[in-house]
Amino acid sequence: MNPNDDLPPAMPDPVLPAAAPESAAAPAKPVAAPGYEAVLAQFAREYMQDRRSERRWRTFIRMFWLALLVFAAWALFAQQHHHPSATSTPHTALVEVRGEIAADTEASAELLLSALKQAFEDPGSQAVVLRINSPGGSPVQAGIVYDELKRLKAKHDKKVYAVVEEMCASGAYYIAAGADEIYVDKASVVGSIGVLMDGFGFTGLMGKLGVERRLMTAGENKAMLDPFSAVNPRQQAYAQAMLDQIHQQFITVVREGRGKRLRETPDIFSGLFWNGEQAVKLGLADATGNLDYVAREIVKAEEVVDYTPRDNVAERLAKRFGAAMGEGAIKAVRQLPALH
């Protein structure tokens, strides 16, 4: 028997927790990466530079638009107050008739009358030349120019010559008939002594599409020649009579202007047009010749002074600026929140 059997079993030695590493005893302090402060400083400098650059650009753009606005105002003022300076040197006065003859165009009665008055009133102008390149246009505008041309001729006792370039048709020939003589190129297009009123009729198409025209008027002729309604024979006859009257006015002007030089044929007032060579044979023109020829050989004043109102570079920029401002205003309005 073992004497140690009555003794209680020995207790195991307590296991103490292992000591934590010294580095885990307390949270580590962040260590700044090398150059961190330098990066922040560089970022701050670049940010401030960007802000300054942005402010400079904003200021520059504002100043640019302000300068452009002042420039546009100056150009418009110059356009309204620009007149060719009068000269006592003998010269041939030139007034251009270009493009469509209508209100608000370069060949409007307003602009042409202003130029003609200056040309006639200049003591140095020996005669006035209308250089024409126009397909015609409004009979009203052409009639105003023709009447004023006759008045100025009588008042200042100066000759007027028309020089045709590519085209002198319809309303343009109406004006040319007021000249004392008409000169053309042999290939110029001259004539078209007639009047037209054009339009379209959509009644058949509307019927095929099943579209119903709903028109209300006060006055039985208020919708006269409406393209969406059937033709009314009585109204059509009325419109034709009006065109015939205007045509007769045109014929009277040509007969008065050309006199015995005009060789009338059945087609002369039919709206046909001819080249310059044929126009001379028919008496619609007097001879072939250009501006230099007329100034040198006919007027005997080779120097040519142009009285035609023209847009200069400043005026064109001003108009474009005005259009751009209008477009910008429309866009700004469209971006406003809508009320519902």
Protein backbone atom coordinates (compact mmCIF):
# COMPACT_ATOMS: atom_id res chain seq x y z
CA MET A 1 0.00 0.00 0.00
CA ASN A 2 1.34 3.26 -0.97
CA PRO A 3 1.44 5.80 1.80
CA ASN A 4 0.69 8.57 -0.62
CA ASP A 5 -2.65 7.15 -1.64
CA ASP A 6 -4.44 8.95 1.18
CA LEU A 7 -3.12 12.37 0.11
CA PRO A 8 -5.30 14.58 -2.07
CA PRO A 9 -4.17 14.99 -5.64
CA ALA A 10 -1.84 17.90 -6.28
CA MET A 11 -3.37 21.03 -7.84
CA PRO A 12 -1.87 22.11 -11.14
CA ASP A 13 0.07 25.34 -11.23
CA PRO A 14 -2.09 28.27 -12.31
CA VAL A 15 -1.44 29.42 -15.82
CA LEU A 16 -0.87 33.16 -15.93
CA PRO A 17 -1.84 35.02 -19.04
CA ALA A 18 1.02 35.91 -21.22
CA ALA A 19 2.11 39.51 -21.06
CA ALA A 20 0.84 41.58 -23.93
CA PRO A 21 3.45 43.02 -26.20
CA GLU A 22 4.45 46.50 -25.25
CA SER A 23 3.23 47.85 -28.59
CA ALA A 24 -0.33 46.59 -27.91
CA ALA A 25 -0.51 48.08 -24.44
CA ALA A 26 -1.59 51.49 -25.87
CA PRO A 27 -2.93 52.64 -29.25
CA ALA A 28 -0.21 53.76 -31.60
CA LYS A 29 -0.05 57.46 -32.54
CA PRO A 30 -0.45 58.22 -36.28
CA VAL A 31 2.76 59.03 -37.89
CA ALA A 32 2.61 61.68 -40.61
CA ALA A 33 3.71 60.50 -44.01
CA PRO A 34 6.82 62.21 -45.25
CA GLY A 35 5.90 65.49 -47.15
CA TYR A 36 2.20 65.51 -46.06
CA GLU A 37 2.25 69.16 -45.04
CA ALA A 38 3.99 70.07 -48.33
CA VAL A 39 1.26 68.34 -50.35
CA LEU A 40 -1.46 70.21 -48.45
CA ALA A 41 0.32 73.49 -48.95
CA GLN A 42 0.75 72.82 -52.67
CA PHE A 43 -2.94 71.92 -53.00
CA ALA A 44 -3.96 75.11 -51.22
CA ARG A 45 -1.76 77.21 -53.46
CA GLU A 46 -3.12 75.62 -56.63
CA TYR A 47 -6.71 76.02 -55.41
CA MET A 48 -6.18 79.71 -54.73
CA GLN A 49 -4.54 80.16 -58.12
CA ASP A 50 -7.51 78.50 -59.81
CA ARG A 51 -9.92 80.77 -57.96
CA ARG A 52 -7.94 83.86 -58.90
CA SER A 53 -7.75 82.70 -62.53
CA GLU A 54 -11.50 82.06 -62.55
CA ARG A 55 -12.19 85.53 -61.20
CA ARG A 56 -9.89 87.08 -63.79
CA TRP A 57 -11.64 85.25 -66.62
CA ARG A 58 -15.03 86.24 -65.26
CA THR A 59 -13.93 89.88 -65.12
CA PHE A 60 -12.44 89.66 -68.62
CA ILE A 61 -15.63 88.20 -70.09
CA ARG A 62 -17.74 90.89 -68.46
CA MET A 63 -15.45 93.62 -69.77
CA PHE A 64 -15.48 92.00 -73.22
CA TRP A 65 -19.27 92.02 -73.41
CA LEU A 66 -19.40 95.57 -72.10
CA ALA A 67 -16.91 96.69 -74.76
CA LEU A 68 -18.86 94.85 -77.45
CA LEU A 69 -22.08 96.51 -76.31
CA VAL A 70 -20.47 99.95 -76.50
CA PHE A 71 -19.05 99.05 -79.92
CA ALA A 72 -22.48 97.96 -81.16
CA ALA A 73 -24.09 101.17 -79.92
CA TRP A 74 -21.40 103.21 -81.64
CA ALA A 75 -21.87 101.28 -84.91
CA LEU A 76 -25.62 101.82 -84.90
CA PHE A 77 -25.11 105.52 -84.19
CA ALA A 78 -22.59 105.76 -87.01
CA GLN A 79 -24.98 104.02 -89.39
CA GLN A 80 -27.72 106.55 -88.65
CA HIS A 81 -25.45 109.57 -89.00
CA HIS A 82 -23.10 108.50 -91.79
CA HIS A 83 -23.37 110.46 -95.02
CA PRO A 84 -20.86 110.80 -97.83
CA SER A 85 -19.16 114.15 -97.60
CA ALA A 86 -20.10 116.60 -100.32
CA THR A 87 -17.34 117.46 -102.75
CA SER A 88 -17.05 120.23 -105.31
CA THR A 89 -14.86 118.07 -107.57
CA PRO A 90 -16.79 117.06 -110.71
CA HIS A 91 -17.75 113.40 -110.47
CA THR A 92 -20.33 110.80 -111.40
CA ALA A 93 -22.67 109.96 -108.53
CA LEU A 94 -23.39 106.25 -108.13
CA VAL A 95 -26.38 104.64 -106.41
CA GLU A 96 -26.63 100.84 -106.37
CA VAL A 97 -29.94 98.98 -106.72
CA ARG A 98 -29.13 95.42 -105.66
CA GLY A 99 -31.27 92.47 -104.65
CA GLU A 100 -34.96 92.37 -103.93
CA ILE A 101 -36.78 95.68 -103.95
CA ALA A 102 -38.76 95.57 -100.72
CA ALA A 103 -39.04 97.25 -97.35
CA ASP A 104 -36.19 96.50 -94.93
CA THR A 105 -33.77 95.46 -97.69
CA GLU A 106 -30.73 97.16 -99.21
CA ALA A 107 -32.95 98.15 -102.15
CA SER A 108 -35.79 99.60 -100.09
CA ALA A 109 -37.33 102.90 -101.10
CA GLU A 110 -36.21 104.45 -97.82
CA LEU A 111 -32.51 103.76 -98.41
CA LEU A 112 -32.57 104.49 -102.14
CA LEU A 113 -34.35 107.82 -101.68
CA SER A 114 -31.85 108.91 -99.06
CA ALA A 115 -28.95 108.06 -101.38
CA LEU A 116 -30.56 109.72 -104.39
CA LYS A 117 -31.18 112.96 -102.52
CA GLN A 118 -27.54 113.16 -101.44
CA ALA A 119 -26.34 112.36 -104.95
CA PHE A 120 -28.51 115.03 -106.58
CA GLU A 121 -27.80 117.69 -103.96
CA ASP A 122 -24.02 117.34 -104.13
CA PRO A 123 -22.83 120.31 -106.22
CA GLY A 124 -19.98 118.22 -107.63
CA SER A 125 -22.13 115.47 -109.10
CA GLN A 126 -22.51 115.92 -112.85
CA ALA A 127 -25.04 113.11 -113.25
CA VAL A 128 -26.46 110.18 -111.32
CA VAL A 129 -25.95 106.55 -112.33
CA LEU A 130 -28.20 103.77 -111.06
CA ARG A 131 -26.24 100.54 -111.26
CA ILE A 132 -28.89 97.82 -111.20
CA ASN A 133 -28.69 94.13 -110.45
CA SER A 134 -32.14 93.12 -109.21
CA PRO A 135 -34.95 90.68 -110.06
CA GLY A 136 -37.54 93.23 -108.97
CA GLY A 137 -39.90 93.16 -106.02
CA SER A 138 -42.60 95.36 -104.56
CA PRO A 139 -44.42 97.58 -107.08
CA VAL A 140 -45.11 100.01 -104.25
CA GLN A 141 -41.41 100.41 -103.35
CA ALA A 142 -40.45 100.65 -107.03
CA GLY A 143 -43.16 103.24 -107.65
CA ILE A 144 -41.97 105.40 -104.76
CA VAL A 145 -38.41 105.41 -106.11
CA TYR A 146 -39.60 106.15 -109.66
CA ASP A 147 -41.71 109.12 -108.58
CA GLU A 148 -38.92 110.58 -106.45
CA LEU A 149 -36.45 110.08 -109.26
CA LYS A 150 -38.61 112.18 -111.59
CA ARG A 151 -38.98 114.89 -108.96
CA LEU A 152 -35.24 115.11 -108.27
CA LYS A 153 -34.40 115.20 -111.97
CA ALA A 154 -36.70 118.15 -112.51
CA LYS A 155 -35.54 119.98 -109.38
CA HIS A 156 -31.77 119.68 -109.93
CA ASP A 157 -31.72 119.47 -113.75
CA LYS A 158 -29.32 116.50 -113.74
CA LYS A 159 -29.29 113.47 -116.00
CA VAL A 160 -29.90 109.97 -114.70
CA TYR A 161 -28.43 106.87 -116.34
CA ALA A 162 -29.26 103.26 -115.55
CA VAL A 163 -26.47 100.70 -115.95
CA VAL A 164 -27.63 97.08 -115.85
CA GLU A 165 -25.33 94.31 -114.74
CA GLU A 166 -26.77 90.76 -114.61
CA MET A 167 -30.48 91.53 -114.20
CA CYS A 168 -32.98 94.36 -114.43
CA ALA A 169 -36.41 92.75 -114.29
CA SER A 170 -39.91 93.60 -113.13
CA GLY A 171 -39.78 96.27 -110.38
CA ALA A 172 -36.12 96.96 -111.15
CA TYR A 173 -37.05 97.87 -114.73
CA TYR A 174 -39.89 99.99 -113.32
CA ILE A 175 -37.17 102.11 -111.63
CA ALA A 176 -34.86 102.02 -114.67
CA ALA A 177 -37.65 103.44 -116.84
CA GLY A 178 -37.21 106.71 -114.94
CA ALA A 179 -33.64 107.09 -116.23
CA ASP A 180 -32.80 109.24 -119.25
CA GLU A 181 -30.85 106.37 -120.81
CA ILE A 182 -30.39 102.67 -120.02
CA TYR A 183 -27.12 100.82 -120.69
CA VAL A 184 -26.83 97.04 -120.52
CA ASP A 185 -24.41 94.22 -121.09
CA LYS A 186 -25.21 92.12 -124.14
CA ALA A 187 -25.97 89.17 -121.82
CA SER A 188 -27.97 91.08 -119.20
CA VAL A 189 -31.54 89.94 -118.44
CA VAL A 190 -33.99 92.79 -119.06
CA GLY A 191 -37.77 93.12 -119.01
CA SER A 192 -40.41 91.01 -117.27
CA ILE A 193 -42.93 93.83 -117.47
CA GLY A 194 -45.78 92.20 -115.60
CA VAL A 195 -47.35 91.67 -112.18
CA LEU A 196 -47.96 88.46 -110.29
CA MET A 197 -49.70 87.21 -107.17
CA ASP A 198 -48.90 83.62 -106.24
CA GLY A 199 -50.08 81.12 -103.66
CA PHE A 200 -51.11 77.49 -103.12
CA GLY A 201 -54.34 75.53 -102.79
CA PHE A 202 -54.61 72.64 -100.33
CA THR A 203 -58.28 71.73 -100.54
CA GLY A 204 -57.73 68.46 -102.43
CA LEU A 205 -54.97 67.33 -100.09
CA MET A 206 -57.07 68.20 -97.06
CA GLY A 207 -59.92 66.08 -98.41
CA LYS A 208 -57.63 63.08 -98.88
CA LEU A 209 -56.27 63.45 -95.36
CA GLY A 210 -59.69 63.92 -93.85
CA VAL A 211 -58.88 67.41 -92.60
CA GLU A 212 -61.86 69.72 -92.15
CA ARG A 213 -61.35 73.47 -92.60
CA ARG A 214 -63.13 75.52 -89.94
CA LEU A 215 -63.00 79.21 -90.75
CA MET A 216 -65.06 82.01 -89.25
CA THR A 217 -65.04 85.52 -90.71
CA ALA A 218 -66.89 88.79 -90.33
CA GLY A 219 -67.12 90.11 -93.86
CA GLU A 220 -67.82 87.90 -96.84
CA ASN A 221 -64.48 88.65 -98.52
CA LYS A 222 -62.26 88.56 -95.45
CA ALA A 223 -60.95 85.09 -96.34
CA MET A 224 -60.37 86.03 -99.96
CA LEU A 225 -57.87 83.72 -101.70
CA ASP A 226 -57.52 81.59 -98.57
CA PRO A 227 -55.32 78.61 -99.62
CA PHE A 228 -57.37 76.19 -97.50
CA SER A 229 -60.71 77.10 -99.10
CA ALA A 230 -62.09 76.50 -102.56
CA VAL A 231 -61.57 79.26 -105.13
CA ASN A 232 -64.37 81.80 -105.27
CA PRO A 233 -64.75 82.88 -108.94
CA ARG A 234 -65.99 86.35 -108.01
CA GLN A 235 -63.09 86.98 -105.64
CA GLN A 236 -60.64 85.59 -108.18
CA ALA A 237 -61.98 87.99 -110.82
CA TYR A 238 -61.60 90.88 -108.38
CA ALA A 239 -57.96 89.99 -107.69
CA GLN A 240 -57.27 89.67 -111.41
CA ALA A 241 -58.75 93.11 -112.04
CA MET A 242 -56.48 94.58 -109.38
CA LEU A 243 -53.42 92.94 -110.96
CA ASP A 244 -54.46 94.29 -114.36
CA GLN A 245 -54.66 97.81 -112.95
CA ILE A 246 -51.16 97.58 -111.45
CA HIS A 247 -49.90 96.13 -114.72
CA GLN A 248 -51.37 99.08 -116.59
CA GLN A 249 -49.57 101.46 -114.22
CA PHE A 250 -46.33 99.64 -115.04
CA ILE A 251 -47.01 99.89 -118.79
CA THR A 252 -47.72 103.62 -118.51
CA VAL A 253 -44.43 104.21 -116.70
CA VAL A 254 -42.46 102.30 -119.35
CA ARG A 255 -44.16 104.14 -122.21
CA GLU A 256 -43.50 107.51 -120.56
CA GLY A 257 -39.91 106.69 -119.80
CA ARG A 258 -38.93 105.12 -123.11
CA GLY A 259 -41.15 107.19 -125.41
CA LYS A 260 -40.62 106.68 -129.14
CA ARG A 261 -37.56 104.54 -128.53
CA LEU A 262 -39.82 101.65 -127.44
CA ARG A 263 -40.71 99.24 -130.23
CA GLU A 264 -43.90 97.67 -128.95
CA THR A 265 -44.68 94.09 -129.87
CA PRO A 266 -47.46 91.77 -128.65
CA ASP A 267 -44.97 90.31 -126.15
CA ILE A 268 -43.33 93.48 -124.87
CA PHE A 269 -45.70 93.80 -121.88
CA SER A 270 -46.44 90.09 -121.48
CA GLY A 271 -43.91 89.44 -118.72
CA LEU A 272 -41.25 88.03 -121.06
CA PHE A 273 -37.62 89.02 -120.60
CA TRP A 274 -34.76 89.36 -123.07
CA ASN A 275 -30.99 89.54 -123.09
CA GLY A 276 -29.28 92.90 -123.36
CA GLU A 277 -28.70 92.69 -127.09
CA GLN A 278 -32.38 92.01 -127.76
CA ALA A 279 -33.43 94.68 -125.24
CA VAL A 280 -31.51 97.31 -127.23
CA LYS A 281 -33.28 96.24 -130.46
CA LEU A 282 -36.67 96.45 -128.75
CA GLY A 283 -35.93 99.88 -127.31
CA LEU A 284 -36.01 98.64 -123.72
CA ALA A 285 -32.38 99.82 -123.49
CA ASP A 286 -30.32 102.36 -125.40
CA ALA A 287 -26.90 100.75 -125.80
CA THR A 288 -24.35 98.43 -124.26
CA GLY A 289 -21.96 99.83 -121.70
CA ASN A 290 -20.80 99.55 -118.10
CA LEU A 291 -20.34 102.06 -115.29
CA ASP A 292 -16.83 103.12 -116.28
CA TYR A 293 -17.90 103.66 -119.87
CA VAL A 294 -20.89 105.79 -118.89
CA ALA A 295 -18.88 107.87 -116.41
CA ARG A 296 -16.01 108.41 -118.85
CA GLU A 297 -17.76 108.74 -122.22
CA ILE A 298 -21.32 109.86 -121.43
CA VAL A 299 -21.13 111.90 -118.22
CA LYS A 300 -17.56 113.06 -118.92
CA ALA A 301 -16.69 112.76 -115.23
CA GLU A 302 -14.52 109.69 -114.81
CA GLU A 303 -14.32 109.91 -111.02
CA VAL A 304 -17.14 107.90 -109.44
CA VAL A 305 -18.44 108.65 -105.93
CA ASP A 306 -20.64 105.96 -104.38
CA TYR A 307 -23.61 107.29 -102.39
CA THR A 308 -25.13 103.88 -101.71
CA PRO A 309 -25.78 103.22 -98.01
CA ARG A 310 -23.69 100.20 -97.03
CA ASP A 311 -23.08 98.17 -93.90
CA ASN A 312 -19.48 98.46 -92.76
CA VAL A 313 -17.71 95.85 -90.63
CA ALA A 314 -18.77 97.52 -87.41
CA GLU A 315 -22.39 97.59 -88.46
CA ARG A 316 -22.37 93.91 -89.45
CA LEU A 317 -20.81 93.00 -86.10
CA ALA A 318 -23.40 95.11 -84.33
CA LYS A 319 -26.23 93.31 -86.11
CA ARG A 320 -24.72 89.91 -85.29
CA PHE A 321 -24.22 90.98 -81.71
CA GLY A 322 -27.86 92.05 -81.51
CA ALA A 323 -28.97 88.71 -82.96
CA ALA A 324 -26.77 86.81 -80.50
CA MET A 325 -28.12 88.83 -77.58
CA GLY A 326 -31.67 88.13 -78.70
CA GLU A 327 -30.97 84.41 -79.01
CA GLY A 328 -29.36 84.40 -75.57
CA ALA A 329 -32.35 86.15 -74.06
CA ILE A 330 -34.71 83.59 -75.59
CA LYS A 331 -32.65 80.71 -74.21
CA ALA A 332 -32.60 82.32 -70.78
CA VAL A 333 -36.36 82.70 -70.81
CA ARG A 334 -36.84 79.10 -71.85
CA GLN A 335 -34.71 77.96 -68.92
CA LEU A 336 -36.94 79.70 -66.37
CA PRO A 337 -39.10 77.32 -64.32
CA ALA A 338 -42.62 76.95 -65.61
CA LEU A 339 -45.65 77.49 -63.43
CA HIS A 340 -48.18 74.70 -63.38
